[in-house]
């Protein structure tokens, strides 16, 4: 996970087929994400969006550290 993504852990995602997800936007505060989600729901009422707290580790860095 990059430093920039660590600073903004709240994400609005759009679920995709096969358990994939598309990160629409990132926010530092949950309240900012909720406000943006409310606008998205008004603009795209049929598209599903969800707020998540993304703390996914960076697997590339973990694999390279384990190989040393």
PDB file of N, CA and C in Angstrom:
ATOM      1  N   UNK A   1       0.851  -1.167   0.000  1.00  0.00           N
ATOM      2  CA  UNK A   1       0.000   0.000   0.000  1.00  0.00           C
ATOM      3  C   UNK A   1       0.898   1.233   0.000  1.00  0.00           C
ATOM      4  N   UNK A   2       0.619   2.155  -0.878  1.00  0.00           N
ATOM      5  CA  UNK A   2       1.446   3.350  -0.955  1.00  0.00           C
ATOM      6  C   UNK A   2       1.106   4.303   0.189  1.00  0.00           C
ATOM      7  N   UNK A   3       2.007   5.227   0.406  1.00  0.00           N
ATOM      8  CA  UNK A   3       1.802   6.201   1.472  1.00  0.00           C
ATOM      9  C   UNK A   3       0.547   7.035   1.212  1.00  0.00           C
ATOM     10  N   UNK A   4       0.309   7.371  -0.048  1.00  0.00           N
ATOM     11  CA  UNK A   4      -0.870   8.169  -0.404  1.00  0.00           C
ATOM     12  C   UNK A   4      -2.154   7.426  -0.071  1.00  0.00           C
ATOM     13  N   UNK A   5      -2.222   6.127  -0.343  1.00  0.00           N
ATOM     14  CA  UNK A   5      -3.431   5.369  -0.025  1.00  0.00           C
ATOM     15  C   UNK A   5      -3.581   5.165   1.474  1.00  0.00           C
ATOM     16  N   UNK A   6      -2.473   5.151   2.210  1.00  0.00           N
ATOM     17  CA  UNK A   6      -2.564   5.042   3.663  1.00  0.00           C
ATOM     18  C   UNK A   6      -3.167   6.304   4.268  1.00  0.00           C
ATOM     19  N   UNK A   7      -2.940   7.446   3.623  1.00  0.00           N
ATOM     20  CA  UNK A   7      -3.493   8.701   4.121  1.00  0.00           C
ATOM     21  C   UNK A   7      -4.997   8.799   3.895  1.00  0.00           C
ATOM     22  N   UNK A   8      -5.505   8.063   2.928  1.00  0.00           N
ATOM     23  CA  UNK A   8      -6.932   8.118   2.594  1.00  0.00           C
ATOM     24  C   UNK A   8      -7.521   6.710   2.588  1.00  0.00           C
ATOM     25  N   UNK A   9      -7.796   6.153   3.767  1.00  0.00           N
ATOM     26  CA  UNK A   9      -8.244   4.765   3.822  1.00  0.00           C
ATOM     27  C   UNK A   9      -9.721   4.556   3.508  1.00  0.00           C
ATOM     28  N   UNK A  10     -10.549   5.603   3.578  1.00  0.00           N
ATOM     29  CA  UNK A  10     -11.977   5.442   3.295  1.00  0.00           C
ATOM     30  C   UNK A  10     -12.191   5.497   1.799  1.00  0.00           C
ATOM     31  N   UNK A  11     -12.826   4.471   1.256  1.00  0.00           N
ATOM     32  CA  UNK A  11     -13.031   4.368  -0.191  1.00  0.00           C
ATOM     33  C   UNK A  11     -14.502   4.193  -0.522  1.00  0.00           C
ATOM     34  N   UNK A  12     -14.873   4.744  -1.656  1.00  0.00           N
ATOM     35  CA  UNK A  12     -16.157   4.418  -2.257  1.00  0.00           C
ATOM     36  C   UNK A  12     -15.831   3.451  -3.381  1.00  0.00           C
ATOM     37  N   UNK A  13     -16.447   2.278  -3.317  1.00  0.00           N
ATOM     38  CA  UNK A  13     -16.190   1.274  -4.337  1.00  0.00           C
ATOM     39  C   UNK A  13     -17.462   0.973  -5.102  1.00  0.00           C
ATOM     40  N   UNK A  14     -17.261   0.440  -6.291  1.00  0.00           N
ATOM     41  CA  UNK A  14     -18.370  -0.035  -7.119  1.00  0.00           C
ATOM     42  C   UNK A  14     -18.105  -1.507  -7.398  1.00  0.00           C
ATOM     43  N   UNK A  15     -18.935  -2.391  -6.871  1.00  0.00           N
ATOM     44  CA  UNK A  15     -18.713  -3.829  -7.082  1.00  0.00           C
ATOM     45  C   UNK A  15     -18.785  -4.200  -8.563  1.00  0.00           C
ATOM     46  N   UNK A  16     -17.887  -5.081  -8.979  1.00  0.00           N
ATOM     47  CA  UNK A  16     -17.819  -5.574 -10.346  1.00  0.00           C
ATOM     48  C   UNK A  16     -18.067  -7.081 -10.337  1.00  0.00           C
ATOM     49  N   UNK A  17     -18.281  -7.676 -11.499  1.00  0.00           N
ATOM     50  CA  UNK A  17     -18.474  -9.131 -11.547  1.00  0.00           C
ATOM     51  C   UNK A  17     -17.240  -9.882 -11.027  1.00  0.00           C
ATOM     52  N   UNK A  18     -17.443 -11.116 -10.607  1.00  0.00           N
ATOM     53  CA  UNK A  18     -16.372 -12.001 -10.132  1.00  0.00           C
ATOM     54  C   UNK A  18     -15.642 -11.452  -8.909  1.00  0.00           C
ATOM     55  N   UNK A  19     -16.387 -10.851  -7.997  1.00  0.00           N
ATOM     56  CA  UNK A  19     -15.836 -10.347  -6.736  1.00  0.00           C
ATOM     57  C   UNK A  19     -14.743  -9.285  -6.930  1.00  0.00           C
ATOM     58  N   UNK A  20     -14.744  -8.609  -8.042  1.00  0.00           N
ATOM     59  CA  UNK A  20     -13.817  -7.506  -8.284  1.00  0.00           C
ATOM     60  C   UNK A  20     -14.436  -6.236  -7.712  1.00  0.00           C
ATOM     61  N   UNK A  21     -13.609  -5.209  -7.554  1.00  0.00           N
ATOM     62  CA  UNK A  21     -14.146  -3.927  -7.101  1.00  0.00           C
ATOM     63  C   UNK A  21     -13.380  -2.793  -7.773  1.00  0.00           C
ATOM     64  N   UNK A  22     -14.078  -1.720  -8.023  1.00  0.00           N
ATOM     65  CA  UNK A  22     -13.502  -0.541  -8.644  1.00  0.00           C
ATOM     66  C   UNK A  22     -13.533   0.580  -7.614  1.00  0.00           C
ATOM     67  N   UNK A  23     -12.368   1.095  -7.266  1.00  0.00           N
ATOM     68  CA  UNK A  23     -12.307   2.206  -6.310  1.00  0.00           C
ATOM     69  C   UNK A  23     -12.659   3.478  -7.068  1.00  0.00           C
ATOM     70  N   UNK A  24     -13.763   4.089  -6.681  1.00  0.00           N
ATOM     71  CA  UNK A  24     -14.239   5.302  -7.335  1.00  0.00           C
ATOM     72  C   UNK A  24     -13.511   6.521  -6.775  1.00  0.00           C
ATOM     73  N   UNK A  25     -13.352   6.578  -5.449  1.00  0.00           N
ATOM     74  CA  UNK A  25     -12.704   7.722  -4.813  1.00  0.00           C
ATOM     75  C   UNK A  25     -12.173   7.309  -3.445  1.00  0.00           C
ATOM     76  N   UNK A  26     -11.183   8.050  -2.954  1.00  0.00           N
ATOM     77  CA  UNK A  26     -10.596   7.819  -1.627  1.00  0.00           C
ATOM     78  C   UNK A  26     -10.719   9.091  -0.794  1.00  0.00           C
ATOM     79  N   UNK A  27     -10.916   8.900   0.509  1.00  0.00           N
ATOM     80  CA  UNK A  27     -11.110  10.034   1.416  1.00  0.00           C
ATOM     81  C   UNK A  27     -10.372   9.804   2.723  1.00  0.00           C
ATOM     82  N   UNK A  28     -10.016  10.885   3.383  1.00  0.00           N
ATOM     83  CA  UNK A  28      -9.370  10.788   4.692  1.00  0.00           C
ATOM     84  C   UNK A  28     -10.385  10.550   5.798  1.00  0.00           C
ATOM     85  N   UNK A  29     -11.586  11.098   5.642  1.00  0.00           N
ATOM     86  CA  UNK A  29     -12.618  10.985   6.681  1.00  0.00           C
ATOM     87  C   UNK A  29     -13.848  10.280   6.139  1.00  0.00           C
ATOM     88  N   UNK A  30     -14.485   9.511   7.005  1.00  0.00           N
ATOM     89  CA  UNK A  30     -15.697   8.802   6.612  1.00  0.00           C
ATOM     90  C   UNK A  30     -16.819   9.776   6.258  1.00  0.00           C
ATOM     91  N   UNK A  31     -16.902  10.869   6.984  1.00  0.00           N
ATOM     92  CA  UNK A  31     -17.970  11.834   6.705  1.00  0.00           C
ATOM     93  C   UNK A  31     -17.842  12.412   5.288  1.00  0.00           C
ATOM     94  N   UNK A  32     -16.621  12.616   4.819  1.00  0.00           N
ATOM     95  CA  UNK A  32     -16.416  13.084   3.447  1.00  0.00           C
ATOM     96  C   UNK A  32     -16.879  12.035   2.439  1.00  0.00           C
ATOM     97  N   UNK A  33     -16.571  10.766   2.730  1.00  0.00           N
ATOM     98  CA  UNK A  33     -16.990   9.680   1.850  1.00  0.00           C
ATOM     99  C   UNK A  33     -18.511   9.565   1.817  1.00  0.00           C
ATOM    100  N   UNK A  34     -19.159   9.715   2.967  1.00  0.00           N
ATOM    101  CA  UNK A  34     -20.616   9.625   3.015  1.00  0.00           C
ATOM    102  C   UNK A  34     -21.271  10.754   2.222  1.00  0.00           C
ATOM    103  N   UNK A  35     -20.726  11.952   2.303  1.00  0.00           N
ATOM    104  CA  UNK A  35     -21.276  13.082   1.552  1.00  0.00           C
ATOM    105  C   UNK A  35     -21.125  12.849   0.049  1.00  0.00           C
ATOM    106  N   UNK A  36     -19.969  12.335  -0.357  1.00  0.00           N
ATOM    107  CA  UNK A  36     -19.743  12.061  -1.770  1.00  0.00           C
ATOM    108  C   UNK A  36     -20.642  10.920  -2.254  1.00  0.00           C
ATOM    109  N   UNK A  37     -20.829   9.921  -1.412  1.00  0.00           N
ATOM    110  CA  UNK A  37     -21.704   8.802  -1.761  1.00  0.00           C
ATOM    111  C   UNK A  37     -23.148   9.271  -1.960  1.00  0.00           C
ATOM    112  N   UNK A  38     -23.589  10.185  -1.141  1.00  0.00           N
ATOM    113  CA  UNK A  38     -24.949  10.720  -1.274  1.00  0.00           C
ATOM    114  C   UNK A  38     -25.125  11.398  -2.639  1.00  0.00           C
ATOM    115  N   UNK A  39     -24.127  12.132  -3.084  1.00  0.00           N
ATOM    116  CA  UNK A  39     -24.191  12.778  -4.398  1.00  0.00           C
ATOM    117  C   UNK A  39     -24.158  11.736  -5.512  1.00  0.00           C
ATOM    118  N   UNK A  40     -23.294  10.718  -5.365  1.00  0.00           N
ATOM    119  CA  UNK A  40     -23.238   9.652  -6.370  1.00  0.00           C
ATOM    120  C   UNK A  40     -24.572   8.937  -6.509  1.00  0.00           C
ATOM    121  N   UNK A  41     -25.232   8.693  -5.394  1.00  0.00           N
ATOM    122  CA  UNK A  41     -26.531   8.003  -5.436  1.00  0.00           C
ATOM    123  C   UNK A  41     -27.596   8.859  -6.114  1.00  0.00           C
ATOM    124  N   UNK A  42     -27.472  10.184  -6.026  1.00  0.00           N
ATOM    125  CA  UNK A  42     -28.412  11.051  -6.723  1.00  0.00           C
ATOM    126  C   UNK A  42     -28.127  11.075  -8.226  1.00  0.00           C
ATOM    127  N   UNK A  43     -26.845  11.063  -8.591  1.00  0.00           N
ATOM    128  CA  UNK A  43     -26.470  11.123  -9.996  1.00  0.00           C
ATOM    129  C   UNK A  43     -26.620   9.778 -10.703  1.00  0.00           C
ATOM    130  N   UNK A  44     -26.301   8.689  -9.999  1.00  0.00           N
ATOM    131  CA  UNK A  44     -26.351   7.334 -10.565  1.00  0.00           C
ATOM    132  C   UNK A  44     -27.195   6.436  -9.664  1.00  0.00           C
ATOM    133  N   UNK A  45     -28.508   6.599  -9.677  1.00  0.00           N
ATOM    134  CA  UNK A  45     -29.337   5.862  -8.716  1.00  0.00           C
ATOM    135  C   UNK A  45     -29.343   4.345  -8.920  1.00  0.00           C
ATOM    136  N   UNK A  46     -29.059   3.860 -10.130  1.00  0.00           N
ATOM    137  CA  UNK A  46     -29.103   2.408 -10.365  1.00  0.00           C
ATOM    138  C   UNK A  46     -27.755   1.735 -10.148  1.00  0.00           C
ATOM    139  N   UNK A  47     -26.696   2.501 -10.020  1.00  0.00           N
ATOM    140  CA  UNK A  47     -25.355   1.924  -9.838  1.00  0.00           C
ATOM    141  C   UNK A  47     -25.090   1.690  -8.353  1.00  0.00           C
ATOM    142  N   UNK A  48     -24.656   0.481  -7.992  1.00  0.00           N
ATOM    143  CA  UNK A  48     -24.367   0.212  -6.576  1.00  0.00           C
ATOM    144  C   UNK A  48     -23.009   0.790  -6.168  1.00  0.00           C
ATOM    145  N   UNK A  49     -22.967   1.448  -5.041  1.00  0.00           N
ATOM    146  CA  UNK A  49     -21.727   1.975  -4.465  1.00  0.00           C
ATOM    147  C   UNK A  49     -21.719   1.651  -2.977  1.00  0.00           C
ATOM    148  N   UNK A  50     -20.521   1.446  -2.431  1.00  0.00           N
ATOM    149  CA  UNK A  50     -20.375   1.108  -1.022  1.00  0.00           C
ATOM    150  C   UNK A  50     -19.159   1.828  -0.453  1.00  0.00           C
ATOM    151  N   UNK A  51     -19.228   2.179   0.828  1.00  0.00           N
ATOM    152  CA  UNK A  51     -18.078   2.759   1.527  1.00  0.00           C
ATOM    153  C   UNK A  51     -17.367   1.638   2.275  1.00  0.00           C
ATOM    154  N   UNK A  52     -16.036   1.593   2.136  1.00  0.00           N
ATOM    155  CA  UNK A  52     -15.236   0.617   2.878  1.00  0.00           C
ATOM    156  C   UNK A  52     -14.031   1.322   3.499  1.00  0.00           C
ATOM    157  N   UNK A  53     -13.468   0.699   4.521  1.00  0.00           N
ATOM    158  CA  UNK A  53     -12.214   1.146   5.118  1.00  0.00           C
ATOM    159  C   UNK A  53     -11.146   0.218   4.566  1.00  0.00           C
ATOM    160  N   UNK A  54     -10.334   0.702   3.649  1.00  0.00           N
ATOM    161  CA  UNK A  54      -9.385  -0.125   2.911  1.00  0.00           C
ATOM    162  C   UNK A  54      -8.032  -0.140   3.611  1.00  0.00           C
ATOM    163  N   UNK A  55      -7.696  -1.278   4.182  1.00  0.00           N
ATOM    164  CA  UNK A  55      -6.379  -1.447   4.803  1.00  0.00           C
ATOM    165  C   UNK A  55      -5.671  -2.649   4.183  1.00  0.00           C
ATOM    166  N   UNK A  56      -5.882  -2.846   2.892  1.00  0.00           N
ATOM    167  CA  UNK A  56      -5.293  -3.983   2.196  1.00  0.00           C
ATOM    168  C   UNK A  56      -3.777  -3.835   2.150  1.00  0.00           C
ATOM    169  N   UNK A  57      -3.051  -4.838   2.570  1.00  0.00           N
ATOM    170  CA  UNK A  57      -1.589  -4.736   2.523  1.00  0.00           C
ATOM    171  C   UNK A  57      -1.091  -4.836   1.088  1.00  0.00           C
ATOM    172  N   UNK A  58       0.061  -4.268   0.852  1.00  0.00           N
ATOM    173  CA  UNK A  58       0.688  -4.328  -0.462  1.00  0.00           C
ATOM    174  C   UNK A  58       1.402  -5.673  -0.590  1.00  0.00           C
ATOM    175  N   UNK A  59       0.861  -6.590  -1.366  1.00  0.00           N
ATOM    176  CA  UNK A  59       1.413  -7.956  -1.453  1.00  0.00           C
ATOM    177  C   UNK A  59       2.769  -7.981  -2.136  1.00  0.00           C
ATOM    178  N   UNK A  60       3.046  -7.029  -3.019  1.00  0.00           N
ATOM    179  CA  UNK A  60       4.339  -7.007  -3.703  1.00  0.00           C
ATOM    180  C   UNK A  60       5.454  -6.756  -2.698  1.00  0.00           C
ATOM    181  N   UNK A  61       5.274  -5.802  -1.808  1.00  0.00           N
ATOM    182  CA  UNK A  61       6.286  -5.503  -0.794  1.00  0.00           C
ATOM    183  C   UNK A  61       6.456  -6.664   0.175  1.00  0.00           C
ATOM    184  N   UNK A  62       5.380  -7.327   0.555  1.00  0.00           N
ATOM    185  CA  UNK A  62       5.477  -8.449   1.486  1.00  0.00           C
ATOM    186  C   UNK A  62       6.229  -9.601   0.854  1.00  0.00           C
ATOM    187  N   UNK A  63       5.994  -9.880  -0.422  1.00  0.00           N
ATOM    188  CA  UNK A  63       6.692 -10.974  -1.096  1.00  0.00           C
ATOM    189  C   UNK A  63       8.161 -10.680  -1.259  1.00  0.00           C
ATOM    190  N   UNK A  64       8.516  -9.436  -1.570  1.00  0.00           N
ATOM    191  CA  UNK A  64       9.930  -9.104  -1.753  1.00  0.00           C
ATOM    192  C   UNK A  64      10.675  -9.072  -0.427  1.00  0.00           C
ATOM    193  N   UNK A  65      10.010  -8.725   0.673  1.00  0.00           N
ATOM    194  CA  UNK A  65      10.667  -8.726   1.977  1.00  0.00           C
ATOM    195  C   UNK A  65      10.898 -10.149   2.470  1.00  0.00           C
ATOM    196  N   UNK A  66      10.001 -11.052   2.153  1.00  0.00           N
ATOM    197  CA  UNK A  66      10.141 -12.426   2.573  1.00  0.00           C
ATOM    198  C   UNK A  66      11.221 -13.166   1.814  1.00  0.00           C
ATOM    199  N   UNK A  67      11.583 -12.695   0.627  1.00  0.00           N
ATOM    200  CA  UNK A  67      12.580 -13.366  -0.204  1.00  0.00           C
ATOM    201  C   UNK A  67      14.002 -12.995   0.181  1.00  0.00           C
ATOM    202  N   UNK A  68      14.197 -12.003   1.027  1.00  0.00           N
ATOM    203  CA  UNK A  68      15.558 -11.553   1.378  1.00  0.00           C
ATOM    204  C   UNK A  68      16.246 -12.523   2.281  1.00  0.00           C
TER     205      UNK A  68
END
